[in-house]
């Protein structure tokens, strides 16, 4: 049976898998539940995510990727193996070619770890590494292979990648470890300091998604539960959108500054193209209320949120699979 090419968006928060001819076949959280004593994998993806913050002492739900890179190689390999088996694995693929994405500034050692995890978990014939912002731009429908400037800001779970592209490659880029996870931590810290209330990662993420904003006058509110640091007892408080804006101000200013730095290093002809076309926002963080308006005001260029921003990298891998044979040699690794 002929092998099918696979594209993997190996994200800090979610893993998405694209199979050529089928589209996106998997979208699950990058979470693995293991037994701490035996290191045995108990659950992966959605099932493991439901356990976050709710497991007994010997079971721990961990995220094997941090800041866009592999923090735990064995668990990442087990997670990928599980996902590939779930979508059909051996029955569908005979040593497939795999295209996998990574942030722009990761080291060669980190790239090697991603390659090896993909090869060992999927039995790949070839593994191709491609930079996330380029793939996200392709997935967002940008014509990056033309001789004109395109700018993308990809706000993921672990990293925010900012890049200007032309002629199919990156001209200037920056990658910072400030993204969705840091937003959650900032919200947890703010509530701890202001209300002396401890909340978990999942509650912080719910706050960010449901009432979060970074710009404008959003006036939503939400009741949240946590543990009172003074009494040690459960407590419910009401938090409002303007408080989330305060909590996220520092993190978001880092993304604004990274975007400005990339624009400042961009050749003037390409800058003129960006003024015409605007900046495209991709990744889960692009859905944060007001992020497009804030960036437009700070960068003085139009900012557009891509259609289905969380799917852009996965869709981009699907389109890039058509160009596998044209990728430069340093982007791929052969396995016998």
C-alpha atoms as a PDB file:
ATOM      1  CA  UNK A   1       0.000   0.000   0.000  1.00  0.00           C
ATOM      2  CA  UNK A   2       1.289   3.442  -0.869  1.00  0.00           C
ATOM      3  CA  UNK A   3       2.232   5.673   2.042  1.00  0.00           C
ATOM      4  CA  UNK A   4       0.380   8.914   2.670  1.00  0.00           C
ATOM      5  CA  UNK A   5       2.170  12.128   3.567  1.00  0.00           C
ATOM      6  CA  UNK A   6       1.395  13.497   7.028  1.00  0.00           C
ATOM      7  CA  UNK A   7       1.654  17.052   8.358  1.00  0.00           C
ATOM      8  CA  UNK A   8       1.943  17.533  12.132  1.00  0.00           C
ATOM      9  CA  UNK A   9       1.433  20.768  14.042  1.00  0.00           C
ATOM     10  CA  UNK A  10       3.262  19.721  17.212  1.00  0.00           C
ATOM     11  CA  UNK A  11       2.023  22.523  19.427  1.00  0.00           C
ATOM     12  CA  UNK A  12       2.682  23.236  23.097  1.00  0.00           C
ATOM     13  CA  UNK A  13      -1.081  23.317  23.755  1.00  0.00           C
ATOM     14  CA  UNK A  14      -2.534  21.150  20.943  1.00  0.00           C
ATOM     15  CA  UNK A  15      -1.425  18.581  18.384  1.00  0.00           C
ATOM     16  CA  UNK A  16      -3.111  18.698  14.976  1.00  0.00           C
ATOM     17  CA  UNK A  17      -2.488  16.071  12.307  1.00  0.00           C
ATOM     18  CA  UNK A  18      -3.189  16.537   8.597  1.00  0.00           C
ATOM     19  CA  UNK A  19      -3.274  13.539   6.263  1.00  0.00           C
ATOM     20  CA  UNK A  20      -2.887  14.223   2.539  1.00  0.00           C
ATOM     21  CA  UNK A  21      -6.174  13.578   0.791  1.00  0.00           C
ATOM     22  CA  UNK A  22      -8.140  13.523   4.047  1.00  0.00           C
ATOM     23  CA  UNK A  23      -7.513  16.931   5.681  1.00  0.00           C
ATOM     24  CA  UNK A  24      -7.214  17.517   9.438  1.00  0.00           C
ATOM     25  CA  UNK A  25      -7.962  14.176  11.088  1.00  0.00           C
ATOM     26  CA  UNK A  26      -6.922  14.922  14.682  1.00  0.00           C
ATOM     27  CA  UNK A  27      -7.010  17.923  17.014  1.00  0.00           C
ATOM     28  CA  UNK A  28      -6.303  17.118  20.669  1.00  0.00           C
ATOM     29  CA  UNK A  29      -4.530  18.751  23.643  1.00  0.00           C
ATOM     30  CA  UNK A  30      -0.788  18.027  24.063  1.00  0.00           C
ATOM     31  CA  UNK A  31      -1.347  16.390  27.438  1.00  0.00           C
ATOM     32  CA  UNK A  32      -0.317  12.966  28.717  1.00  0.00           C
ATOM     33  CA  UNK A  33      -1.392  11.397  32.036  1.00  0.00           C
ATOM     34  CA  UNK A  34       1.201   9.059  33.530  1.00  0.00           C
ATOM     35  CA  UNK A  35       1.664   6.988  36.669  1.00  0.00           C
ATOM     36  CA  UNK A  36       4.469   8.773  38.533  1.00  0.00           C
ATOM     37  CA  UNK A  37       5.833   5.565  40.033  1.00  0.00           C
ATOM     38  CA  UNK A  38       5.965   3.378  36.929  1.00  0.00           C
ATOM     39  CA  UNK A  39       6.094   6.114  34.220  1.00  0.00           C
ATOM     40  CA  UNK A  40       3.313   4.168  32.459  1.00  0.00           C
ATOM     41  CA  UNK A  41       1.131   6.239  30.116  1.00  0.00           C
ATOM     42  CA  UNK A  42      -2.499   6.132  31.306  1.00  0.00           C
ATOM     43  CA  UNK A  43      -4.231   8.617  28.991  1.00  0.00           C
ATOM     44  CA  UNK A  44      -3.391  10.958  26.099  1.00  0.00           C
ATOM     45  CA  UNK A  45      -5.052  14.016  24.558  1.00  0.00           C
ATOM     46  CA  UNK A  46      -8.658  14.885  25.459  1.00  0.00           C
ATOM     47  CA  UNK A  47      -8.902  12.154  28.072  1.00  0.00           C
ATOM     48  CA  UNK A  48      -5.685  13.318  29.788  1.00  0.00           C
ATOM     49  CA  UNK A  49      -6.722  17.001  29.599  1.00  0.00           C
ATOM     50  CA  UNK A  50      -9.831  16.254  31.644  1.00  0.00           C
ATOM     51  CA  UNK A  51      -7.496  15.031  34.408  1.00  0.00           C
ATOM     52  CA  UNK A  52      -5.416  18.255  34.646  1.00  0.00           C
ATOM     53  CA  UNK A  53      -5.448  19.436  38.271  1.00  0.00           C
ATOM     54  CA  UNK A  54      -7.796  16.602  39.285  1.00  0.00           C
ATOM     55  CA  UNK A  55      -5.582  13.549  39.734  1.00  0.00           C
ATOM     56  CA  UNK A  56      -4.456  11.656  42.864  1.00  0.00           C
ATOM     57  CA  UNK A  57      -0.820  11.903  43.927  1.00  0.00           C
ATOM     58  CA  UNK A  58       0.546   8.976  41.917  1.00  0.00           C
ATOM     59  CA  UNK A  59      -1.083  10.111  38.640  1.00  0.00           C
ATOM     60  CA  UNK A  60       0.178  13.292  36.998  1.00  0.00           C
ATOM     61  CA  UNK A  61      -1.107  15.009  33.842  1.00  0.00           C
ATOM     62  CA  UNK A  62       1.873  16.596  32.087  1.00  0.00           C
ATOM     63  CA  UNK A  63       2.511  18.555  28.929  1.00  0.00           C
ATOM     64  CA  UNK A  64       5.648  17.118  27.306  1.00  0.00           C
ATOM     65  CA  UNK A  65       6.218  20.251  25.194  1.00  0.00           C
ATOM     66  CA  UNK A  66       7.127  23.579  26.763  1.00  0.00           C
ATOM     67  CA  UNK A  67       7.759  26.872  24.984  1.00  0.00           C
ATOM     68  CA  UNK A  68       7.449  25.185  21.600  1.00  0.00           C
ATOM     69  CA  UNK A  69      10.138  22.551  22.215  1.00  0.00           C
ATOM     70  CA  UNK A  70      10.276  19.024  23.623  1.00  0.00           C
ATOM     71  CA  UNK A  71      10.690  19.036  27.405  1.00  0.00           C
ATOM     72  CA  UNK A  72      10.200  15.279  27.856  1.00  0.00           C
ATOM     73  CA  UNK A  73      11.369  13.201  24.903  1.00  0.00           C
ATOM     74  CA  UNK A  74       9.953   9.811  25.975  1.00  0.00           C
ATOM     75  CA  UNK A  75       6.497  11.180  26.743  1.00  0.00           C
ATOM     76  CA  UNK A  76       6.414  13.194  23.482  1.00  0.00           C
ATOM     77  CA  UNK A  77       7.270  10.035  21.556  1.00  0.00           C
ATOM     78  CA  UNK A  78       4.537   8.082  23.387  1.00  0.00           C
ATOM     79  CA  UNK A  79       2.030  10.867  22.683  1.00  0.00           C
ATOM     80  CA  UNK A  80       2.844  10.978  18.957  1.00  0.00           C
ATOM     81  CA  UNK A  81       2.727   7.178  18.731  1.00  0.00           C
ATOM     82  CA  UNK A  82      -0.733   7.187  20.362  1.00  0.00           C
ATOM     83  CA  UNK A  83      -2.083   9.899  18.020  1.00  0.00           C
ATOM     84  CA  UNK A  84      -0.690   8.235  14.868  1.00  0.00           C
ATOM     85  CA  UNK A  85      -2.196   4.899  15.952  1.00  0.00           C
ATOM     86  CA  UNK A  86      -5.521   6.634  16.650  1.00  0.00           C
ATOM     87  CA  UNK A  87      -5.797   7.989  13.086  1.00  0.00           C
ATOM     88  CA  UNK A  88      -5.120   4.612  11.519  1.00  0.00           C
ATOM     89  CA  UNK A  89      -1.380   4.257  11.982  1.00  0.00           C
ATOM     90  CA  UNK A  90       0.029   1.081  10.506  1.00  0.00           C
ATOM     91  CA  UNK A  91      -3.071   0.249   8.470  1.00  0.00           C
ATOM     92  CA  UNK A  92      -3.045   3.620   6.707  1.00  0.00           C
ATOM     93  CA  UNK A  93       0.637   4.357   6.324  1.00  0.00           C
ATOM     94  CA  UNK A  94       3.616   2.419   5.092  1.00  0.00           C
ATOM     95  CA  UNK A  95       6.599   4.477   6.262  1.00  0.00           C
ATOM     96  CA  UNK A  96       5.053   7.882   5.466  1.00  0.00           C
ATOM     97  CA  UNK A  97       6.795  11.179   4.852  1.00  0.00           C
ATOM     98  CA  UNK A  98       6.161  13.512   7.769  1.00  0.00           C
ATOM     99  CA  UNK A  99       6.302  17.324   7.738  1.00  0.00           C
ATOM    100  CA  UNK A 100       6.534  18.732  11.245  1.00  0.00           C
ATOM    101  CA  UNK A 101       6.628  22.368  12.382  1.00  0.00           C
ATOM    102  CA  UNK A 102       8.860  24.141  14.888  1.00  0.00           C
ATOM    103  CA  UNK A 103       9.445  27.744  16.108  1.00  0.00           C
ATOM    104  CA  UNK A 104      11.928  29.886  14.161  1.00  0.00           C
ATOM    105  CA  UNK A 105      14.689  30.160  16.763  1.00  0.00           C
ATOM    106  CA  UNK A 106      15.035  26.623  18.145  1.00  0.00           C
ATOM    107  CA  UNK A 107      18.514  25.076  18.263  1.00  0.00           C
ATOM    108  CA  UNK A 108      19.779  22.265  16.071  1.00  0.00           C
ATOM    109  CA  UNK A 109      19.677  19.958  19.126  1.00  0.00           C
ATOM    110  CA  UNK A 110      15.988  20.783  19.662  1.00  0.00           C
ATOM    111  CA  UNK A 111      15.308  20.238  15.940  1.00  0.00           C
ATOM    112  CA  UNK A 112      17.036  16.851  16.160  1.00  0.00           C
ATOM    113  CA  UNK A 113      14.826  15.884  19.124  1.00  0.00           C
ATOM    114  CA  UNK A 114      11.673  16.751  17.140  1.00  0.00           C
ATOM    115  CA  UNK A 115      12.935  14.758  14.127  1.00  0.00           C
ATOM    116  CA  UNK A 116      13.785  11.701  16.226  1.00  0.00           C
ATOM    117  CA  UNK A 117      10.462  11.768  18.075  1.00  0.00           C
ATOM    118  CA  UNK A 118       8.582  11.881  14.750  1.00  0.00           C
ATOM    119  CA  UNK A 119      10.710   9.141  13.203  1.00  0.00           C
ATOM    120  CA  UNK A 120      10.518   6.752  16.149  1.00  0.00           C
ATOM    121  CA  UNK A 121       6.812   7.221  16.771  1.00  0.00           C
ATOM    122  CA  UNK A 122       5.605   7.060  13.182  1.00  0.00           C
ATOM    123  CA  UNK A 123       8.205   4.929  11.426  1.00  0.00           C
ATOM    124  CA  UNK A 124       8.731   7.761   8.952  1.00  0.00           C
ATOM    125  CA  UNK A 125      10.589   7.309   5.682  1.00  0.00           C
ATOM    126  CA  UNK A 126      11.583  10.971   5.705  1.00  0.00           C
ATOM    127  CA  UNK A 127      11.033  13.730   8.246  1.00  0.00           C
ATOM    128  CA  UNK A 128      10.887  17.351   7.118  1.00  0.00           C
ATOM    129  CA  UNK A 129      11.210  20.300   9.486  1.00  0.00           C
ATOM    130  CA  UNK A 130       9.586  23.599   8.561  1.00  0.00           C
ATOM    131  CA  UNK A 131       9.272  26.895  10.438  1.00  0.00           C
ATOM    132  CA  UNK A 132       5.880  27.569  12.008  1.00  0.00           C
ATOM    133  CA  UNK A 133       5.253  31.151  10.828  1.00  0.00           C
ATOM    134  CA  UNK A 134       5.911  30.184   7.204  1.00  0.00           C
ATOM    135  CA  UNK A 135       3.504  27.227   7.411  1.00  0.00           C
ATOM    136  CA  UNK A 136       0.933  29.364   9.270  1.00  0.00           C
ATOM    137  CA  UNK A 137       1.127  32.012   6.523  1.00  0.00           C
ATOM    138  CA  UNK A 138       0.522  29.370   3.851  1.00  0.00           C
ATOM    139  CA  UNK A 139      -2.412  27.998   5.874  1.00  0.00           C
ATOM    140  CA  UNK A 140      -3.872  31.508   6.196  1.00  0.00           C
ATOM    141  CA  UNK A 141      -3.931  31.794   2.393  1.00  0.00           C
ATOM    142  CA  UNK A 142      -1.021  34.240   2.003  1.00  0.00           C
ATOM    143  CA  UNK A 143       0.911  34.190  -1.281  1.00  0.00           C
ATOM    144  CA  UNK A 144       4.353  33.809   0.279  1.00  0.00           C
ATOM    145  CA  UNK A 145       5.990  32.474  -2.900  1.00  0.00           C
ATOM    146  CA  UNK A 146       5.537  35.822  -4.700  1.00  0.00           C
ATOM    147  CA  UNK A 147       8.236  38.552  -4.650  1.00  0.00           C
ATOM    148  CA  UNK A 148       6.301  40.711  -2.168  1.00  0.00           C
ATOM    149  CA  UNK A 149       6.237  41.182   1.604  1.00  0.00           C
ATOM    150  CA  UNK A 150       3.869  39.209   3.843  1.00  0.00           C
ATOM    151  CA  UNK A 151       3.832  39.491   7.623  1.00  0.00           C
ATOM    152  CA  UNK A 152       2.393  36.934  10.026  1.00  0.00           C
ATOM    153  CA  UNK A 153       2.124  36.918  13.826  1.00  0.00           C
ATOM    154  CA  UNK A 154       1.500  33.347  15.043  1.00  0.00           C
ATOM    155  CA  UNK A 155       0.452  33.339  18.729  1.00  0.00           C
ATOM    156  CA  UNK A 156       0.493  29.733  19.888  1.00  0.00           C
ATOM    157  CA  UNK A 157       0.513  28.070  23.291  1.00  0.00           C
ATOM    158  CA  UNK A 158       4.230  28.234  24.062  1.00  0.00           C
ATOM    159  CA  UNK A 159       5.689  30.741  21.600  1.00  0.00           C
ATOM    160  CA  UNK A 160       4.726  33.742  19.510  1.00  0.00           C
ATOM    161  CA  UNK A 161       6.447  33.708  16.115  1.00  0.00           C
ATOM    162  CA  UNK A 162       6.600  36.910  14.086  1.00  0.00           C
ATOM    163  CA  UNK A 163       7.913  36.780  10.524  1.00  0.00           C
ATOM    164  CA  UNK A 164       8.084  38.713   7.276  1.00  0.00           C
ATOM    165  CA  UNK A 165       8.129  36.423   4.243  1.00  0.00           C
ATOM    166  CA  UNK A 166       8.914  36.868   0.567  1.00  0.00           C
ATOM    167  CA  UNK A 167       9.780  34.500  -2.292  1.00  0.00           C
ATOM    168  CA  UNK A 168       8.819  31.494  -0.174  1.00  0.00           C
ATOM    169  CA  UNK A 169      11.233  32.157   2.673  1.00  0.00           C
ATOM    170  CA  UNK A 170      11.611  34.169   5.870  1.00  0.00           C
ATOM    171  CA  UNK A 171      13.257  37.591   5.496  1.00  0.00           C
ATOM    172  CA  UNK A 172      13.138  38.717   9.144  1.00  0.00           C
ATOM    173  CA  UNK A 173      11.726  36.868  12.122  1.00  0.00           C
ATOM    174  CA  UNK A 174      11.507  36.753  15.894  1.00  0.00           C
ATOM    175  CA  UNK A 175      10.276  34.080  18.286  1.00  0.00           C
ATOM    176  CA  UNK A 176       9.463  34.833  21.930  1.00  0.00           C
ATOM    177  CA  UNK A 177       8.336  32.522  24.704  1.00  0.00           C
ATOM    178  CA  UNK A 178       5.270  34.608  25.488  1.00  0.00           C
ATOM    179  CA  UNK A 179       1.955  33.158  24.289  1.00  0.00           C
ATOM    180  CA  UNK A 180      -1.180  31.383  25.537  1.00  0.00           C
ATOM    181  CA  UNK A 181       0.502  29.597  28.466  1.00  0.00           C
ATOM    182  CA  UNK A 182       2.057  32.831  29.743  1.00  0.00           C
ATOM    183  CA  UNK A 183      -1.368  34.516  29.489  1.00  0.00           C
ATOM    184  CA  UNK A 184      -2.816  31.806  31.761  1.00  0.00           C
ATOM    185  CA  UNK A 185       0.029  32.186  34.273  1.00  0.00           C
ATOM    186  CA  UNK A 186      -0.421  35.981  34.284  1.00  0.00           C
ATOM    187  CA  UNK A 187      -4.141  35.589  35.071  1.00  0.00           C
ATOM    188  CA  UNK A 188      -3.405  33.090  37.879  1.00  0.00           C
ATOM    189  CA  UNK A 189      -0.803  35.442  39.374  1.00  0.00           C
ATOM    190  CA  UNK A 190      -3.098  38.482  39.154  1.00  0.00           C
ATOM    191  CA  UNK A 191      -5.963  36.709  40.965  1.00  0.00           C
ATOM    192  CA  UNK A 192      -3.569  35.332  43.582  1.00  0.00           C
ATOM    193  CA  UNK A 193      -2.133  38.802  44.311  1.00  0.00           C
ATOM    194  CA  UNK A 194      -5.396  40.769  44.196  1.00  0.00           C
ATOM    195  CA  UNK A 195      -7.875  38.338  45.738  1.00  0.00           C
ATOM    196  CA  UNK A 196      -5.583  35.907  47.643  1.00  0.00           C
ATOM    197  CA  UNK A 197      -7.312  33.128  45.707  1.00  0.00           C
ATOM    198  CA  UNK A 198      -5.563  30.142  44.145  1.00  0.00           C
ATOM    199  CA  UNK A 199      -6.967  28.899  40.824  1.00  0.00           C
ATOM    200  CA  UNK A 200      -5.776  26.234  38.399  1.00  0.00           C
ATOM    201  CA  UNK A 201      -4.569  26.408  34.782  1.00  0.00           C
ATOM    202  CA  UNK A 202      -7.918  25.289  33.383  1.00  0.00           C
ATOM    203  CA  UNK A 203      -9.824  28.014  35.253  1.00  0.00           C
ATOM    204  CA  UNK A 204      -7.317  30.629  34.048  1.00  0.00           C
ATOM    205  CA  UNK A 205      -7.780  29.426  30.466  1.00  0.00           C
ATOM    206  CA  UNK A 206     -11.584  29.600  30.815  1.00  0.00           C
ATOM    207  CA  UNK A 207     -11.284  33.209  32.039  1.00  0.00           C
ATOM    208  CA  UNK A 208      -9.034  34.104  29.085  1.00  0.00           C
ATOM    209  CA  UNK A 209     -11.371  32.526  26.513  1.00  0.00           C
ATOM    210  CA  UNK A 210     -14.709  33.671  27.932  1.00  0.00           C
ATOM    211  CA  UNK A 211     -14.110  37.220  29.198  1.00  0.00           C
ATOM    212  CA  UNK A 212     -10.470  38.027  28.295  1.00  0.00           C
ATOM    213  CA  UNK A 213      -9.566  41.208  26.428  1.00  0.00           C
ATOM    214  CA  UNK A 214      -6.461  43.293  25.746  1.00  0.00           C
ATOM    215  CA  UNK A 215      -8.076  46.343  24.154  1.00  0.00           C
ATOM    216  CA  UNK A 216     -11.283  48.360  24.290  1.00  0.00           C
ATOM    217  CA  UNK A 217     -14.248  48.369  26.597  1.00  0.00           C
ATOM    218  CA  UNK A 218     -15.348  44.755  26.930  1.00  0.00           C
ATOM    219  CA  UNK A 219     -17.519  44.561  30.052  1.00  0.00           C
ATOM    220  CA  UNK A 220     -18.167  40.868  30.622  1.00  0.00           C
ATOM    221  CA  UNK A 221     -17.846  39.188  34.001  1.00  0.00           C
ATOM    222  CA  UNK A 222     -17.499  35.634  35.278  1.00  0.00           C
ATOM    223  CA  UNK A 223     -17.824  33.812  38.601  1.00  0.00           C
ATOM    224  CA  UNK A 224     -14.795  31.681  39.393  1.00  0.00           C
ATOM    225  CA  UNK A 225     -14.017  29.245  42.187  1.00  0.00           C
ATOM    226  CA  UNK A 226     -10.726  28.612  43.884  1.00  0.00           C
ATOM    227  CA  UNK A 227      -9.050  28.092  47.253  1.00  0.00           C
ATOM    228  CA  UNK A 228      -8.787  31.030  49.650  1.00  0.00           C
ATOM    229  CA  UNK A 229      -5.131  31.432  50.683  1.00  0.00           C
ATOM    230  CA  UNK A 230      -6.100  32.788  54.124  1.00  0.00           C
ATOM    231  CA  UNK A 231      -8.782  30.324  55.252  1.00  0.00           C
ATOM    232  CA  UNK A 232      -7.814  27.401  52.998  1.00  0.00           C
ATOM    233  CA  UNK A 233     -11.492  26.975  52.112  1.00  0.00           C
ATOM    234  CA  UNK A 234     -13.207  27.055  48.679  1.00  0.00           C
ATOM    235  CA  UNK A 235     -14.399  30.510  47.658  1.00  0.00           C
ATOM    236  CA  UNK A 236     -16.251  32.085  44.703  1.00  0.00           C
ATOM    237  CA  UNK A 237     -15.424  35.543  43.347  1.00  0.00           C
ATOM    238  CA  UNK A 238     -16.507  37.588  40.317  1.00  0.00           C
ATOM    239  CA  UNK A 239     -13.815  38.733  37.877  1.00  0.00           C
ATOM    240  CA  UNK A 240     -14.350  41.277  35.097  1.00  0.00           C
ATOM    241  CA  UNK A 241     -12.873  41.829  31.640  1.00  0.00           C
ATOM    242  CA  UNK A 242     -10.964  45.005  32.573  1.00  0.00           C
ATOM    243  CA  UNK A 243      -9.122  43.006  35.267  1.00  0.00           C
ATOM    244  CA  UNK A 244      -8.053  40.410  32.690  1.00  0.00           C
ATOM    245  CA  UNK A 245      -6.812  43.295  30.515  1.00  0.00           C
ATOM    246  CA  UNK A 246      -4.685  44.505  33.445  1.00  0.00           C
ATOM    247  CA  UNK A 247      -3.369  40.982  34.041  1.00  0.00           C
ATOM    248  CA  UNK A 248      -2.349  40.498  30.384  1.00  0.00           C
ATOM    249  CA  UNK A 249      -0.898  43.975  29.744  1.00  0.00           C
ATOM    250  CA  UNK A 250       2.757  43.031  30.295  1.00  0.00           C
ATOM    251  CA  UNK A 251       2.635  39.806  28.248  1.00  0.00           C
ATOM    252  CA  UNK A 252       0.853  41.461  25.320  1.00  0.00           C
ATOM    253  CA  UNK A 253       3.315  44.374  25.288  1.00  0.00           C
ATOM    254  CA  UNK A 254       6.104  41.801  24.698  1.00  0.00           C
ATOM    255  CA  UNK A 255       4.272  40.565  21.577  1.00  0.00           C
ATOM    256  CA  UNK A 256       3.777  44.150  20.365  1.00  0.00           C
ATOM    257  CA  UNK A 257       7.477  44.896  20.881  1.00  0.00           C
ATOM    258  CA  UNK A 258       8.580  41.720  19.053  1.00  0.00           C
ATOM    259  CA  UNK A 259       6.337  42.699  16.110  1.00  0.00           C
ATOM    260  CA  UNK A 260       7.818  46.220  16.047  1.00  0.00           C
ATOM    261  CA  UNK A 261      11.354  44.810  16.114  1.00  0.00           C
ATOM    262  CA  UNK A 262      10.636  42.609  13.081  1.00  0.00           C
ATOM    263  CA  UNK A 263       9.096  45.519  11.162  1.00  0.00           C
ATOM    264  CA  UNK A 264      12.094  47.735  11.970  1.00  0.00           C
ATOM    265  CA  UNK A 265      14.452  45.157  10.408  1.00  0.00           C
ATOM    266  CA  UNK A 266      12.306  44.699   7.282  1.00  0.00           C
ATOM    267  CA  UNK A 267      13.556  46.145   3.953  1.00  0.00           C
ATOM    268  CA  UNK A 268      11.547  49.257   2.942  1.00  0.00           C
ATOM    269  CA  UNK A 269      10.073  47.735  -0.241  1.00  0.00           C
ATOM    270  CA  UNK A 270       8.621  44.851   1.747  1.00  0.00           C
ATOM    271  CA  UNK A 271       7.351  47.240   4.429  1.00  0.00           C
ATOM    272  CA  UNK A 272       5.366  49.047   1.728  1.00  0.00           C
ATOM    273  CA  UNK A 273       3.757  45.708   0.742  1.00  0.00           C
ATOM    274  CA  UNK A 274       2.807  45.042   4.374  1.00  0.00           C
ATOM    275  CA  UNK A 275       1.054  48.434   4.606  1.00  0.00           C
ATOM    276  CA  UNK A 276      -1.045  47.387   1.583  1.00  0.00           C
ATOM    277  CA  UNK A 277      -1.765  43.789   2.639  1.00  0.00           C
ATOM    278  CA  UNK A 278      -1.772  44.123   6.412  1.00  0.00           C
ATOM    279  CA  UNK A 279      -0.511  41.723   9.080  1.00  0.00           C
ATOM    280  CA  UNK A 280      -2.149  38.307   9.473  1.00  0.00           C
ATOM    281  CA  UNK A 281      -2.775  36.925  12.959  1.00  0.00           C
ATOM    282  CA  UNK A 282      -2.785  33.122  13.374  1.00  0.00           C
ATOM    283  CA  UNK A 283      -2.717  30.651  16.259  1.00  0.00           C
ATOM    284  CA  UNK A 284      -5.055  30.273  19.224  1.00  0.00           C
ATOM    285  CA  UNK A 285      -3.927  33.601  20.699  1.00  0.00           C
ATOM    286  CA  UNK A 286      -5.288  35.417  17.629  1.00  0.00           C
ATOM    287  CA  UNK A 287      -8.765  34.787  19.062  1.00  0.00           C
ATOM    288  CA  UNK A 288      -8.043  36.869  22.171  1.00  0.00           C
ATOM    289  CA  UNK A 289     -10.480  39.784  22.176  1.00  0.00           C
ATOM    290  CA  UNK A 290      -8.947  43.069  20.965  1.00  0.00           C
ATOM    291  CA  UNK A 291      -5.488  41.714  20.037  1.00  0.00           C
ATOM    292  CA  UNK A 292      -5.981  42.709  16.378  1.00  0.00           C
ATOM    293  CA  UNK A 293      -7.070  46.268  17.282  1.00  0.00           C
ATOM    294  CA  UNK A 294      -4.173  46.718  19.698  1.00  0.00           C
ATOM    295  CA  UNK A 295      -1.573  45.564  17.155  1.00  0.00           C
ATOM    296  CA  UNK A 296      -3.115  47.726  14.412  1.00  0.00           C
ATOM    297  CA  UNK A 297      -2.889  50.784  16.669  1.00  0.00           C
ATOM    298  CA  UNK A 298       0.693  50.069  17.765  1.00  0.00           C
ATOM    299  CA  UNK A 299       2.126  48.991  14.376  1.00  0.00           C
ATOM    300  CA  UNK A 300       0.189  51.535  12.275  1.00  0.00           C
ATOM    301  CA  UNK A 301      -0.717  48.871   9.677  1.00  0.00           C
ATOM    302  CA  UNK A 302      -3.964  46.933   9.096  1.00  0.00           C
ATOM    303  CA  UNK A 303      -4.206  43.689  11.124  1.00  0.00           C
ATOM    304  CA  UNK A 304      -6.432  40.791  10.047  1.00  0.00           C
ATOM    305  CA  UNK A 305      -7.309  37.683  12.056  1.00  0.00           C
ATOM    306  CA  UNK A 306      -7.007  34.673   9.751  1.00  0.00           C
ATOM    307  CA  UNK A 307      -9.991  32.419   9.169  1.00  0.00           C
ATOM    308  CA  UNK A 308      -9.876  29.529  11.687  1.00  0.00           C
ATOM    309  CA  UNK A 309      -6.595  30.818  13.195  1.00  0.00           C
ATOM    310  CA  UNK A 310      -5.974  27.691  15.295  1.00  0.00           C
ATOM    311  CA  UNK A 311      -6.061  25.532  12.163  1.00  0.00           C
ATOM    312  CA  UNK A 312      -3.658  27.647  10.069  1.00  0.00           C
ATOM    313  CA  UNK A 313      -0.459  25.689  10.810  1.00  0.00           C
ATOM    314  CA  UNK A 314      -2.181  22.328  10.240  1.00  0.00           C
ATOM    315  CA  UNK A 315      -3.773  23.551   6.991  1.00  0.00           C
ATOM    316  CA  UNK A 316      -0.401  24.977   5.976  1.00  0.00           C
ATOM    317  CA  UNK A 317       1.299  21.604   6.468  1.00  0.00           C
ATOM    318  CA  UNK A 318      -1.322  20.167   4.106  1.00  0.00           C
ATOM    319  CA  UNK A 319      -0.433  22.676   1.399  1.00  0.00           C
ATOM    320  CA  UNK A 320       3.322  22.367   2.043  1.00  0.00           C
ATOM    321  CA  UNK A 321       3.127  18.583   1.525  1.00  0.00           C
ATOM    322  CA  UNK A 322       2.692  19.380  -2.169  1.00  0.00           C
ATOM    323  CA  UNK A 323       6.091  21.120  -2.120  1.00  0.00           C
ATOM    324  CA  UNK A 324       8.057  18.448  -0.214  1.00  0.00           C
ATOM    325  CA  UNK A 325      10.300  17.584  -3.144  1.00  0.00           C
ATOM    326  CA  UNK A 326      11.277  21.255  -3.548  1.00  0.00           C
ATOM    327  CA  UNK A 327      12.365  21.785   0.065  1.00  0.00           C
ATOM    328  CA  UNK A 328      16.090  22.450   0.581  1.00  0.00           C
ATOM    329  CA  UNK A 329      18.207  19.567   1.866  1.00  0.00           C
ATOM    330  CA  UNK A 330      18.733  21.137   5.299  1.00  0.00           C
ATOM    331  CA  UNK A 331      14.993  20.957   5.933  1.00  0.00           C
ATOM    332  CA  UNK A 332      14.755  17.207   5.727  1.00  0.00           C
ATOM    333  CA  UNK A 333      16.216  14.108   7.225  1.00  0.00           C
ATOM    334  CA  UNK A 334      16.222  10.688   5.614  1.00  0.00           C
ATOM    335  CA  UNK A 335      15.789   7.427   7.498  1.00  0.00           C
ATOM    336  CA  UNK A 336      16.990   4.586   5.287  1.00  0.00           C
END
